[in-house]
Protein backbone atom coordinates (compact mmCIF):
# COMPACT_ATOMS: atom_id res chain seq x y z
CA UNK A 1 -0.06 -0.06 -0.09
CA UNK A 2 2.77 2.28 0.84
CA UNK A 3 4.67 1.29 -2.22
CA UNK A 4 1.50 2.02 -4.27
CA UNK A 5 1.25 5.77 -2.66
CA UNK A 6 4.84 6.30 -3.50
CA UNK A 7 4.67 5.26 -6.98
CA UNK A 8 1.68 7.25 -7.42
CA UNK A 9 3.36 10.46 -6.01
CA UNK A 10 6.15 9.87 -8.24
CA UNK A 11 3.94 9.41 -11.19
CA UNK A 12 2.07 12.51 -10.40
CA UNK A 13 5.59 14.43 -10.15
CA UNK A 14 6.67 13.12 -13.48
CA UNK A 15 3.22 14.22 -15.15
CA UNK A 16 3.48 17.47 -13.55
CA UNK A 17 7.08 18.23 -14.67
CA UNK A 18 5.90 16.92 -18.25
CA UNK A 19 2.96 19.47 -18.15
CA UNK A 20 5.25 22.27 -17.19
CA UNK A 21 7.40 21.40 -20.02
CA UNK A 22 4.68 21.35 -22.52
CA UNK A 23 3.42 24.82 -21.15
CA UNK A 24 6.86 26.23 -21.42
CA UNK A 25 7.50 24.78 -24.81
CA UNK A 26 4.21 26.11 -26.13
CA UNK A 27 4.69 29.60 -24.66
CA UNK A 28 8.16 29.83 -26.21
CA UNK A 29 8.82 31.06 -29.71
CA UNK A 30 9.86 28.29 -32.06
CA UNK A 31 12.73 30.55 -33.19
CA UNK A 32 14.28 30.05 -29.76
CA UNK A 33 14.89 26.46 -30.81
CA UNK A 34 15.66 27.11 -34.36
CA UNK A 35 19.22 26.57 -35.63
CA UNK A 36 21.29 29.71 -36.26
CA UNK A 37 21.43 30.88 -39.82
CA UNK A 38 24.72 30.06 -41.28
CA UNK A 39 26.62 32.82 -43.28
CA UNK A 40 29.66 32.19 -45.39
CA UNK A 41 31.95 35.25 -45.88
CA UNK A 42 34.22 34.71 -49.04
CA UNK A 43 37.30 37.01 -48.72
CA UNK A 44 36.80 40.03 -50.93
CA UNK A 45 38.71 40.27 -54.28
CA UNK A 46 41.01 43.33 -54.07
CA UNK A 47 41.84 45.04 -57.27
CA UNK A 48 44.66 47.43 -56.77
CA UNK A 49 47.95 48.56 -58.29
CA UNK A 50 49.81 47.98 -54.97
CA UNK A 51 49.55 45.13 -52.44
CA UNK A 52 46.34 45.57 -50.36
CA UNK A 53 45.78 41.87 -49.42
CA UNK A 54 45.75 42.73 -45.94
CA UNK A 55 42.32 44.25 -46.52
CA UNK A 56 40.88 40.75 -47.24
CA UNK A 57 41.37 39.83 -43.55
CA UNK A 58 40.19 43.18 -42.14
CA UNK A 59 37.01 43.06 -44.24
CA UNK A 60 36.26 39.52 -43.27
CA UNK A 61 36.86 40.09 -39.54
CA UNK A 62 34.83 43.31 -39.68
CA UNK A 63 31.81 41.67 -41.37
CA UNK A 64 32.09 38.53 -39.17
CA UNK A 65 32.12 40.57 -35.97
CA UNK A 66 29.08 42.72 -37.04
CA UNK A 67 26.83 39.98 -38.48
CA UNK A 68 27.38 37.43 -35.62
CA UNK A 69 24.28 37.27 -33.48
CA UNK A 70 24.37 34.75 -30.62
CA UNK A 71 21.89 31.97 -31.22
CA UNK A 72 20.57 33.54 -34.20
CA UNK A 73 23.42 34.02 -36.93
CA UNK A 74 26.69 32.20 -37.14
CA UNK A 75 29.63 32.70 -39.36
CA UNK A 76 31.11 29.58 -41.11
CA UNK A 77 34.81 28.89 -40.34
CA UNK A 78 36.87 30.97 -42.80
CA UNK A 79 39.34 28.12 -43.65
CA UNK A 80 36.26 25.93 -44.78
CA UNK A 81 34.67 28.81 -46.76
CA UNK A 82 38.16 29.39 -48.68
CA UNK A 83 38.60 25.94 -49.30
CA UNK A 84 34.95 25.58 -50.82
CA UNK A 85 35.67 28.75 -52.72
CA UNK A 86 38.95 27.28 -54.32
CA UNK A 87 36.95 23.96 -55.20
CA UNK A 88 34.28 26.13 -57.05
CA UNK A 89 37.03 28.17 -59.09
CA UNK A 90 37.16 31.08 -61.22
CA UNK A 91 35.71 34.61 -60.48
CA UNK A 92 32.74 34.28 -58.10
CA UNK A 93 29.30 35.03 -59.32
CA UNK A 94 25.79 34.26 -57.99
CA UNK A 95 25.55 30.75 -59.74
CA UNK A 96 29.04 29.84 -58.14
CA UNK A 97 28.25 31.46 -54.94
CA UNK A 98 25.04 29.21 -54.75
CA UNK A 99 27.19 26.03 -55.33
CA UNK A 100 29.73 27.06 -52.72
CA UNK A 101 26.83 27.78 -50.24
CA UNK A 102 25.01 24.55 -50.85
CA UNK A 103 28.61 22.61 -50.37
CA UNK A 104 28.93 24.34 -47.05
CA UNK A 105 25.42 24.20 -45.89
CA UNK A 106 25.18 27.76 -45.86
CA UNK A 107 22.06 30.04 -45.71
CA UNK A 108 23.75 32.96 -47.16
CA UNK A 109 26.86 33.70 -49.06
CA UNK A 110 28.44 37.14 -48.70
CA UNK A 111 31.11 38.13 -51.43
CA UNK A 112 32.41 41.10 -53.31
CA UNK A 113 35.40 43.14 -54.48
CA UNK A 114 37.29 46.20 -53.35
CA UNK A 115 38.89 48.23 -56.31
CA UNK A 116 41.32 50.92 -55.81
CA UNK A 117 42.42 53.16 -58.74
CA UNK A 118 44.39 56.33 -57.85
CA UNK A 119 42.46 57.95 -54.93
CA UNK A 120 39.20 56.41 -55.99
CA UNK A 121 38.08 53.49 -53.87
CA UNK A 122 34.86 51.32 -54.77
CA UNK A 123 33.22 48.59 -52.95
CA UNK A 124 30.76 46.25 -54.76
CA UNK A 125 29.22 43.38 -52.61
CA UNK A 126 26.54 40.83 -52.32
CA UNK A 127 24.67 38.99 -49.78
CA UNK A 128 22.94 36.17 -51.46
CA UNK A 129 20.27 33.84 -50.12
CA UNK A 130 21.31 30.34 -51.15
CA UNK A 131 17.94 28.99 -51.49
CA UNK A 132 16.95 31.68 -53.90
CA UNK A 133 13.76 32.62 -51.97
CA UNK A 134 14.99 35.98 -51.08
CA UNK A 135 16.19 38.58 -53.60
CA UNK A 136 19.86 39.19 -53.33
CA UNK A 137 21.02 42.25 -51.33
CA UNK A 138 23.59 44.38 -53.36
CA UNK A 139 25.80 47.09 -52.07
CA UNK A 140 27.99 49.58 -54.17
CA UNK A 141 29.92 52.68 -53.19
CA UNK A 142 32.54 54.63 -54.60
CA UNK A 143 34.39 57.26 -52.60
CA UNK A 144 37.61 59.17 -52.37
CA UNK A 145 40.27 57.76 -50.03
CA UNK A 146 40.69 54.75 -48.05
CA UNK A 147 39.33 56.46 -44.89
CA UNK A 148 35.64 55.66 -46.06
CA UNK A 149 36.30 51.80 -46.30
CA UNK A 150 35.45 50.99 -42.71
CA UNK A 151 32.31 53.29 -42.56
CA UNK A 152 31.04 51.84 -45.81
CA UNK A 153 31.63 48.16 -44.61
CA UNK A 154 29.79 49.29 -41.35
CA UNK A 155 26.89 50.44 -43.41
CA UNK A 156 26.59 47.35 -45.39
CA UNK A 157 26.84 45.26 -42.34
CA UNK A 158 23.90 47.22 -40.82
CA UNK A 159 21.88 46.86 -43.92
CA UNK A 160 22.24 43.13 -43.83
CA UNK A 161 21.27 43.01 -40.15
CA UNK A 162 18.17 45.01 -40.66
CA UNK A 163 16.87 43.69 -44.17
CA UNK A 164 17.88 40.02 -43.97
CA UNK A 165 17.97 39.36 -40.09
CA UNK A 166 15.48 41.91 -38.78
CA UNK A 167 18.12 43.33 -36.31
CA UNK A 168 18.16 47.16 -36.04
CA UNK A 169 21.72 48.37 -35.13
CA UNK A 170 21.88 51.33 -32.92
CA UNK A 171 25.53 52.13 -34.24
CA UNK A 172 24.37 52.48 -37.88
CA UNK A 173 26.27 55.07 -39.60
CA UNK A 174 24.91 57.63 -42.16
CA UNK A 175 26.01 57.22 -45.73
CA UNK A 176 29.02 59.51 -46.88
CA UNK A 177 28.37 62.24 -49.25
CA UNK A 178 29.17 60.27 -52.23
CA UNK A 179 26.25 57.92 -51.26
CA UNK A 180 26.21 54.17 -51.62
CA UNK A 181 23.35 52.39 -53.19
CA UNK A 182 22.44 49.53 -50.98
CA UNK A 183 19.34 47.67 -52.22
CA UNK A 184 18.12 44.20 -52.85
CA UNK A 185 18.36 43.00 -56.42
CA UNK A 186 14.54 43.45 -56.41
CA UNK A 187 14.69 46.77 -53.97
CA UNK A 188 11.98 46.38 -51.42
CA UNK A 189 8.89 44.58 -52.54
CA UNK A 190 6.86 47.66 -52.72
CA UNK A 191 9.42 49.18 -54.91
CA UNK A 192 9.63 46.72 -57.52
CA UNK A 193 6.04 45.72 -57.87
CA UNK A 194 4.48 49.26 -57.78
CA UNK A 195 2.86 50.60 -60.85
CA UNK A 196 5.01 53.20 -62.37
CA UNK A 197 2.07 55.71 -62.05
CA UNK A 198 2.72 55.46 -58.30
CA UNK A 199 6.58 55.71 -58.35
CA UNK A 200 6.90 59.41 -58.93
CA UNK A 201 6.58 61.56 -55.97
CA UNK A 202 3.20 63.51 -56.27
CA UNK A 203 1.90 61.19 -59.00
CA UNK A 204 2.02 61.70 -62.75
CA UNK A 205 -0.46 64.19 -64.36
CA UNK A 206 -1.48 62.52 -67.64
CA UNK A 207 1.71 62.82 -69.47
CA UNK A 208 2.78 66.27 -68.37
CA UNK A 209 6.22 67.07 -67.17
CA UNK A 210 6.68 67.17 -63.45
CA UNK A 211 8.27 69.68 -61.27
CA UNK A 212 11.96 69.49 -60.04
CA UNK A 213 12.45 66.58 -57.82
CA UNK A 214 15.42 65.22 -55.99
CA UNK A 215 16.34 61.70 -56.67
CA UNK A 216 15.01 59.73 -53.77
CA UNK A 217 13.63 56.31 -52.96
CA UNK A 218 10.05 57.44 -53.91
CA UNK A 219 11.12 58.52 -57.41
CA UNK A 220 10.99 56.66 -60.58
CA UNK A 221 14.53 57.29 -61.19
CA UNK A 222 17.45 57.80 -58.74
CA UNK A 223 21.07 58.79 -59.04
CA UNK A 224 23.65 56.55 -57.38
CA UNK A 225 27.23 56.28 -56.54
CA UNK A 226 29.32 58.89 -58.30
CA UNK A 227 26.64 61.03 -59.53
CA UNK A 228 25.60 62.75 -56.42
CA UNK A 229 22.35 64.39 -55.92
CA UNK A 230 20.86 65.76 -59.16
CA UNK A 231 17.63 67.67 -59.81
CA UNK A 232 15.47 65.63 -62.17
CA UNK A 233 12.33 65.97 -64.07
CA UNK A 234 10.10 63.06 -65.07
CA UNK A 235 7.34 62.31 -67.56
CA UNK A 236 5.39 59.36 -68.36
CA UNK A 237 3.02 58.61 -71.22
CA UNK A 238 -0.45 57.07 -71.19
CA UNK A 239 -0.35 53.44 -71.37
CA UNK A 240 -0.50 51.83 -74.96
CA UNK A 241 -2.42 48.54 -75.36
CA UNK A 242 0.47 47.16 -77.40
CA UNK A 243 3.86 45.66 -76.45
CA UNK A 244 6.47 48.16 -77.69
CA UNK A 245 9.52 46.36 -79.13
CA UNK A 246 11.87 49.38 -80.09
CA UNK A 247 12.00 53.08 -80.02
CA UNK A 248 14.03 55.87 -81.49
CA UNK A 249 13.97 59.85 -81.67
CA UNK A 250 14.61 61.86 -84.75
CA UNK A 251 13.10 64.41 -87.26
CA UNK A 252 11.36 62.09 -89.54
CA UNK A 253 9.54 64.72 -91.63
CA UNK A 254 11.97 67.49 -91.89
CA UNK A 255 10.22 70.22 -90.04
CA UNK A 256 12.76 70.63 -87.25
CA UNK A 257 10.85 68.88 -84.76
CA UNK A 258 11.75 65.66 -83.23
CA UNK A 259 9.30 62.86 -83.32
CA UNK A 260 9.24 59.52 -81.18
CA UNK A 261 8.97 56.40 -83.47
CA UNK A 262 8.42 53.18 -81.86
CA UNK A 263 7.70 49.56 -83.21
CA UNK A 264 5.19 47.28 -81.73
CA UNK A 265 5.23 43.78 -82.69
CA UNK A 266 3.54 44.51 -85.92
CA UNK A 267 3.38 48.08 -86.40
CA UNK A 268 5.54 51.30 -86.65
CA UNK A 269 4.01 54.26 -84.91
CA UNK A 270 4.95 57.96 -84.72
CA UNK A 271 4.19 60.48 -82.15
CA UNK A 272 5.18 63.90 -81.00
CA UNK A 273 5.41 65.84 -77.83
CA UNK A 274 4.14 69.30 -78.43
CA UNK A 275 2.35 71.92 -76.36
CA UNK A 276 2.62 69.66 -73.38
CA UNK A 277 0.91 66.78 -75.08
CA UNK A 278 2.09 63.44 -76.57
CA UNK A 279 -0.13 63.02 -79.63
CA UNK A 280 -0.07 60.48 -82.30
CA UNK A 281 1.00 61.49 -85.92
CA UNK A 282 0.30 58.28 -87.68
CA UNK A 283 0.81 54.54 -87.94
CA UNK A 284 3.52 54.51 -90.35
CA UNK A 285 3.37 50.68 -91.33
CA UNK A 286 1.35 47.76 -90.51
CA UNK A 287 2.92 44.12 -90.87
CA UNK A 288 0.24 41.96 -89.25
CA UNK A 289 2.43 38.74 -90.16
CA UNK A 290 5.87 39.83 -89.51
CA UNK A 291 7.68 40.48 -86.07
CA UNK A 292 9.21 43.80 -85.65
CA UNK A 293 12.20 43.67 -83.23
CA UNK A 294 13.94 47.08 -83.41
CA UNK A 295 14.09 50.61 -85.15
CA UNK A 296 16.45 53.55 -85.70
CA UNK A 297 15.86 56.88 -87.03
CA UNK A 298 18.62 58.82 -88.91
CA UNK A 299 19.50 60.60 -92.18
CA UNK A 300 22.31 58.22 -93.46
CA UNK A 301 21.75 58.56 -97.28
CA UNK A 302 22.34 62.40 -96.75
CA UNK A 303 19.14 63.60 -98.53
CA UNK A 304 18.05 66.00 -95.47
CA UNK A 305 15.15 63.57 -94.34
CA UNK A 306 15.75 61.01 -91.73
CA UNK A 307 15.13 57.40 -92.61
CA UNK A 308 13.35 54.88 -90.41
CA UNK A 309 15.34 51.45 -90.19
CA UNK A 310 13.10 48.77 -89.02
CA UNK A 311 14.73 45.33 -88.17
CA UNK A 312 12.19 42.64 -88.60
CA UNK A 313 11.60 38.83 -88.91
CA UNK A 314 8.97 36.80 -90.94
CA UNK A 315 5.97 35.28 -89.31
CA UNK A 316 7.87 32.19 -88.06
CA UNK A 317 10.96 33.94 -86.93
CA UNK A 318 13.13 32.07 -89.51
CA UNK A 319 14.16 34.87 -91.79
CA UNK A 320 15.19 38.35 -91.60
CA UNK A 321 12.83 40.76 -93.30
CA UNK A 322 13.95 44.28 -92.46
CA UNK A 323 12.76 47.53 -94.27
CA UNK A 324 13.73 51.09 -94.47
CA UNK A 325 11.15 53.95 -94.73
CA UNK A 326 11.38 57.64 -95.53
CA UNK A 327 8.96 60.61 -95.86
CA UNK A 328 8.15 61.58 -99.40
CA UNK A 329 6.41 64.86 -98.69
CA UNK A 330 3.03 63.36 -98.44
CA UNK A 331 3.50 59.93 -96.99
CA UNK A 332 5.95 57.44 -95.51
CA UNK A 333 7.28 54.93 -98.25
CA UNK A 334 9.39 51.80 -98.02
CA UNK A 335 12.53 52.74 -99.85
CA UNK A 336 14.14 49.46 -99.11
CA UNK A 337 12.00 46.25 -98.75
CA UNK A 338 12.58 42.91 -97.13
CA UNK A 339 16.23 43.12 -96.86
CA UNK A 340 18.06 40.34 -95.03
CA UNK A 341 20.20 42.58 -92.80
CA UNK A 342 19.80 43.51 -89.36
CA UNK A 343 20.11 47.40 -89.01
CA UNK A 344 21.46 49.64 -86.63
CA UNK A 345 22.74 53.25 -86.65
CA UNK A 346 25.72 54.57 -84.42
CA UNK A 347 26.33 58.25 -84.08
CA UNK A 348 30.14 58.79 -84.24
CA UNK A 349 31.26 62.43 -83.43
CA UNK A 350 33.86 62.64 -86.01
CA UNK A 351 31.83 61.08 -88.78
CA UNK A 352 28.13 61.38 -87.84
CA UNK A 353 25.39 58.70 -88.33
CA UNK A 354 27.03 55.43 -89.51
CA UNK A 355 24.65 52.51 -90.63
CA UNK A 356 25.96 49.16 -89.77
CA UNK A 357 24.50 45.79 -90.51
CA UNK A 358 24.66 41.93 -90.10
CA UNK A 359 23.27 39.03 -91.75
CA UNK A 360 21.82 36.05 -90.06
CA UNK A 361 23.86 32.92 -89.39
CA UNK A 362 22.83 29.43 -89.57
CA UNK A 363 23.62 28.62 -85.92
CA UNK A 364 22.98 31.90 -84.28
CA UNK A 365 22.31 35.54 -85.09
CA UNK A 366 25.77 36.13 -83.83
CA UNK A 367 27.58 34.06 -86.34
CA UNK A 368 28.09 36.51 -89.14
CA UNK A 369 30.47 39.64 -89.10
CA UNK A 370 29.24 43.18 -88.66
CA UNK A 371 29.86 45.52 -91.50
CA UNK A 372 29.36 49.24 -92.17
CA UNK A 373 26.67 49.84 -94.76
CA UNK A 374 26.81 52.51 -97.41
CA UNK A 375 23.99 53.68 -99.63
CA UNK A 376 24.18 52.82 -103.24
CA UNK A 377 21.09 54.20 -105.51
CA UNK A 378 18.17 52.57 -103.95
CA UNK A 379 19.80 50.34 -101.33
CA UNK A 380 23.02 49.83 -99.55
CA UNK A 381 26.25 47.91 -100.12
CA UNK A 382 29.00 46.61 -97.54
CA UNK A 383 31.80 48.91 -96.77
CA UNK A 384 34.48 47.91 -94.11
CA UNK A 385 34.13 45.08 -91.86
CA UNK A 386 34.01 46.37 -88.08
CA UNK A 387 33.45 43.19 -86.09
CA UNK A 388 34.27 39.69 -87.11
CA UNK A 389 31.77 36.78 -86.69
CA UNK A 390 30.87 34.80 -83.47
CA UNK A 391 31.28 37.83 -81.29
CA UNK A 392 28.21 40.07 -81.32
CA UNK A 393 24.77 40.84 -82.91
CA UNK A 394 24.42 44.38 -84.30
CA UNK A 395 21.20 45.01 -82.27
CA UNK A 396 23.36 44.87 -78.99
CA UNK A 397 26.65 46.70 -80.47
CA UNK A 398 27.86 50.19 -80.30
CA UNK A 399 31.10 51.74 -81.72
CA UNK A 400 32.76 54.79 -80.09
CA UNK A 401 35.27 56.29 -77.70
CA UNK A 402 33.91 54.23 -74.62
CA UNK A 403 37.37 54.52 -72.84
CA UNK A 404 37.70 58.12 -73.42
CA UNK A 405 41.15 57.67 -74.79
CA UNK A 406 40.43 59.41 -78.14
CA UNK A 407 39.73 56.31 -80.14
CA UNK A 408 36.34 56.02 -81.72
CA UNK A 409 37.01 52.38 -82.79
CA UNK A 410 36.31 50.46 -79.35
CA UNK A 411 33.31 48.40 -79.73
CA UNK A 412 30.95 47.64 -76.60
CA UNK A 413 28.78 44.66 -77.20
CA UNK A 414 26.42 42.09 -75.54
CA UNK A 415 27.52 38.61 -76.13
CA UNK A 416 24.99 35.78 -76.74
CA UNK A 417 24.67 35.16 -72.89
CA UNK A 418 24.11 38.85 -72.36
CA UNK A 419 27.34 39.54 -70.74
CA UNK A 420 28.75 43.11 -71.74
CA UNK A 421 32.07 43.18 -73.32
CA UNK A 422 34.64 45.78 -74.71
CA UNK A 423 36.95 45.48 -77.71
CA UNK A 424 39.69 47.68 -78.60
CA UNK A 425 40.31 48.84 -82.21
CA UNK A 426 42.36 45.81 -83.08
CA UNK A 427 39.63 43.34 -82.00
CA UNK A 428 41.12 42.36 -78.71
CA UNK A 429 38.92 41.93 -75.84
CA UNK A 430 39.92 44.26 -72.90
CA UNK A 431 37.02 43.80 -70.31
CA UNK A 432 34.10 41.44 -69.77
CA UNK A 433 31.43 41.90 -67.26
CA UNK A 434 31.09 39.08 -64.59
CA UNK A 435 27.37 39.36 -64.72
CA UNK A 436 24.61 39.19 -67.10
CA UNK A 437 22.77 42.35 -67.90
CA UNK A 438 20.65 43.28 -71.10
CA UNK A 439 18.18 40.81 -71.90
CA UNK A 440 15.19 40.91 -74.53
CA UNK A 441 12.20 38.73 -75.30
CA UNK A 442 13.01 38.78 -78.83
CA UNK A 443 14.14 35.65 -80.39
CA UNK A 444 15.11 33.91 -83.56
CA UNK A 445 13.95 30.26 -84.28
CA UNK A 446 17.01 28.45 -85.32
CA UNK A 447 16.89 24.81 -87.13
CA UNK A 448 15.28 22.13 -84.75
CA UNK A 449 17.61 19.85 -82.81
CA UNK A 450 16.07 16.83 -84.55
CA UNK A 451 12.65 16.77 -83.09
CA UNK A 452 9.52 19.02 -83.39
CA UNK A 453 9.32 19.37 -79.64
CA UNK A 454 13.08 20.37 -79.22
CA UNK A 455 12.80 23.90 -80.30
CA UNK A 456 16.06 25.89 -80.63
CA UNK A 457 15.70 29.67 -79.88
CA UNK A 458 18.48 32.46 -79.98
CA UNK A 459 17.61 35.66 -78.11
CA UNK A 460 18.70 39.07 -79.31
CA UNK A 461 20.71 41.39 -77.02
CA UNK A 462 19.62 44.86 -75.81
CA UNK A 463 20.53 48.18 -77.36
CA UNK A 464 23.89 49.96 -76.07
CA UNK A 465 24.55 53.76 -76.45
CA UNK A 466 27.86 55.71 -76.11
CA UNK A 467 27.23 59.23 -75.17
CA UNK A 468 28.37 62.00 -72.75
CA UNK A 469 24.98 61.98 -71.07
CA UNK A 470 25.94 64.10 -68.10
CA UNK A 471 27.88 66.55 -70.03
CA UNK A 472 31.15 66.13 -68.04
CA UNK A 473 33.37 65.82 -71.14
CA UNK A 474 33.65 61.98 -70.82
CA UNK A 475 31.50 59.47 -72.83
CA UNK A 476 29.27 57.21 -70.89
CA UNK A 477 28.01 53.82 -71.89
CA UNK A 478 24.25 53.42 -71.45
CA UNK A 479 22.75 49.90 -71.07
CA UNK A 480 19.65 48.11 -69.68
CA UNK A 481 19.51 45.51 -67.02
CA UNK A 482 16.25 43.41 -67.32
CA UNK A 483 16.06 41.02 -64.42
CA UNK A 484 14.78 37.53 -65.42
CA UNK A 485 12.55 35.21 -63.39
CA UNK A 486 12.33 32.42 -65.89
CA UNK A 487 13.53 31.35 -69.32
CA UNK A 488 11.62 28.47 -70.85
CA UNK A 489 12.04 28.07 -74.69
CA UNK A 490 10.57 31.17 -76.38
CA UNK A 491 9.26 32.46 -73.14
CA UNK A 492 11.36 34.85 -71.00
CA UNK A 493 9.89 36.19 -67.84
CA UNK A 494 11.25 39.56 -66.53
CA UNK A 495 10.29 40.84 -63.21
CA UNK A 496 11.76 44.35 -63.39
CA UNK A 497 14.32 46.44 -65.32
CA UNK A 498 16.81 49.24 -64.74
CA UNK A 499 18.74 51.53 -67.03
CA UNK A 500 22.44 51.84 -66.05
CA UNK A 501 24.80 54.64 -67.12
CA UNK A 502 28.45 53.26 -66.97
CA UNK A 503 31.81 54.86 -67.28
CA UNK A 504 35.31 53.61 -67.87
CA UNK A 505 37.32 53.78 -64.72
CA UNK A 506 40.54 52.25 -66.13
CA UNK A 507 39.68 48.82 -65.14
CA UNK A 508 36.16 48.26 -66.66
CA UNK A 509 32.63 49.85 -67.12
CA UNK A 510 31.59 50.79 -63.74
CA UNK A 511 27.84 51.81 -63.08
CA UNK A 512 27.94 55.67 -62.52
CA UNK A 513 24.10 55.88 -61.92
CA UNK A 514 21.16 54.02 -62.79
CA UNK A 515 17.39 54.26 -62.76
CA UNK A 516 15.39 52.74 -59.92
CA UNK A 517 13.90 49.39 -60.74
CA UNK A 518 10.53 49.34 -62.41
CA UNK A 519 8.17 46.39 -62.73
CA UNK A 520 8.09 44.86 -66.12
CA UNK A 521 11.07 45.26 -68.50
CA UNK A 522 12.63 47.74 -70.50
CA UNK A 523 12.49 46.92 -74.36
CA UNK A 524 14.45 49.83 -75.58
CA UNK A 525 15.68 53.41 -74.93
CA UNK A 526 17.08 56.46 -76.53
CA UNK A 527 18.68 60.00 -75.92
CA UNK A 528 17.28 63.05 -77.70
CA UNK A 529 15.22 66.03 -77.44
CA UNK A 530 12.11 64.33 -77.01
CA UNK A 531 9.96 67.19 -76.06
CA UNK A 532 11.46 69.84 -78.36
CA UNK A 533 12.57 72.02 -75.41
CA UNK A 534 16.40 72.34 -76.74
CA UNK A 535 17.39 69.76 -74.14
CA UNK A 536 18.11 65.94 -74.40
CA UNK A 537 15.99 63.42 -72.47
CA UNK A 538 16.65 60.00 -71.78
CA UNK A 539 13.59 58.23 -73.03
CA UNK A 540 12.77 54.33 -72.30
CA UNK A 541 9.88 52.15 -73.40
CA UNK A 542 8.57 49.98 -70.43
CA UNK A 543 6.55 46.94 -71.05
CA UNK A 544 4.19 46.43 -68.15
CA UNK A 545 2.29 43.32 -69.54
CA UNK A 546 3.41 41.15 -72.50
CA UNK A 547 0.01 39.84 -73.26
CA UNK A 548 1.58 36.27 -73.62
CA UNK A 549 -0.81 34.82 -71.13
CA UNK A 550 -4.21 33.92 -72.09
CA UNK A 551 -6.95 36.48 -71.32
CA UNK A 552 -4.25 39.25 -70.78
CA UNK A 553 -3.65 42.02 -73.12
CA UNK A 554 -0.10 43.80 -73.63
CA UNK A 555 0.62 47.07 -71.93
CA UNK A 556 3.57 49.52 -72.45
CA UNK A 557 4.33 52.96 -71.65
CA UNK A 558 7.11 55.45 -72.23
CA UNK A 559 9.16 57.18 -69.42
CA UNK A 560 11.30 60.43 -69.99
CA UNK A 561 13.84 61.55 -67.76
CA UNK A 562 15.10 65.10 -68.26
CA UNK A 563 18.95 65.46 -68.49
CA UNK A 564 20.32 68.61 -66.89
């Protein structure tokens, strides 16, 4: 009997302890038992004329101490990280960083570079979620002198703690005057997904120029890095129920006023901004069966009237069927019909507008060489070869003084994988971007790989411009970066796009400033006196909806940025 009572009492105690444990565990957040997030910090690549390798250790130590959070965030052993990085091999990009992180069992991989050129110091870094569920947090800063390195590393660590781990740091330091741009690859979700109508402070009043605005997080465009704070003006057109595929600015009727010409999938449209209104002049051409992929406007044949050069494909995207139009005084007539050249115009200060062209190769639109084309009677003929085969497609090619060394023969191109490259006048590659940019949905259908279901598509590159856009006496390279969500056969899904203005810094084409990210993708852009006020604007075509999904319709708009 006593034994029974003793057993009962012990059992009661056990049950009571168990009950307490259950209550405690229910009342305790699950995060208290969660495994700390694992972060792999890869030693930064240091680019400098003198030995600054000691900075590798310093930067890793700084980031490790600022990101470590007891029971929440752990830093993977540096030796293990370096060993895994060596196994991956080559310059680290997001794809290789994901492999590295997977091998280490990391949740995040942090990597980047420090570049010192003269007194200019730039930091370019990324904090990447290995699972791919979160958008990559990017950081870029360019400053003068080494004394800004520590404050900028502190700033980046604070951004990571706040945006990735929800940890607000009391010691967060303000950005230096030269201002870093620290944003996720998709910006904040509200930034990326917001309709352009809501992106400009104060709204957009039906296609009229807005007042002066400082570039800020609430603006459609923002200056970053070396550009400092600029006063900006914005304009947005009404929405078009078409998918704009290309655009150009020029005087197409010889009246001294600039028109905006854009191609949709099957039409060529002309508009003019006048008296604070963007009005349609006419539909210049309708090609309901053909696919129009690009347009340029320039007086290359020297008769005083600008021609309209349209690059186009047949209904099945298997043949090139480009054409050229010109104003006859009463109407716009085709002066070149169904030519098999891809056509682009480059503006070279010492020569003026130069027409360049390329024919389609058997295996890729990049296969054939690029030639200068000259007018002969009612058409054009080849002159000098300016780029040998298998390097570029003329749709993503520009020739000019990109390095500000006095040479107009440097070529800036997008390769077939959308990596930006620079070639010198002898045809030698002198720089390649380690990350993809550009990106368009336009494709050419190559011969099948043996079966009907095994389609073979080649995508065209994005336009490139070389121009002194900020009037500082140095040429800038203007490109687009459309961010891809998926790529399945002929269907590319873009989430958002941004326009980047780059400048040669002695090492490569560094980003000088960029527009803020906008939902959709940029299909083309141009620089010209869009609104006939005597000043140039940067004008871009933004596709909001492609209309490729059943029950949806395409939707595009034009956005203009006043250059001052």
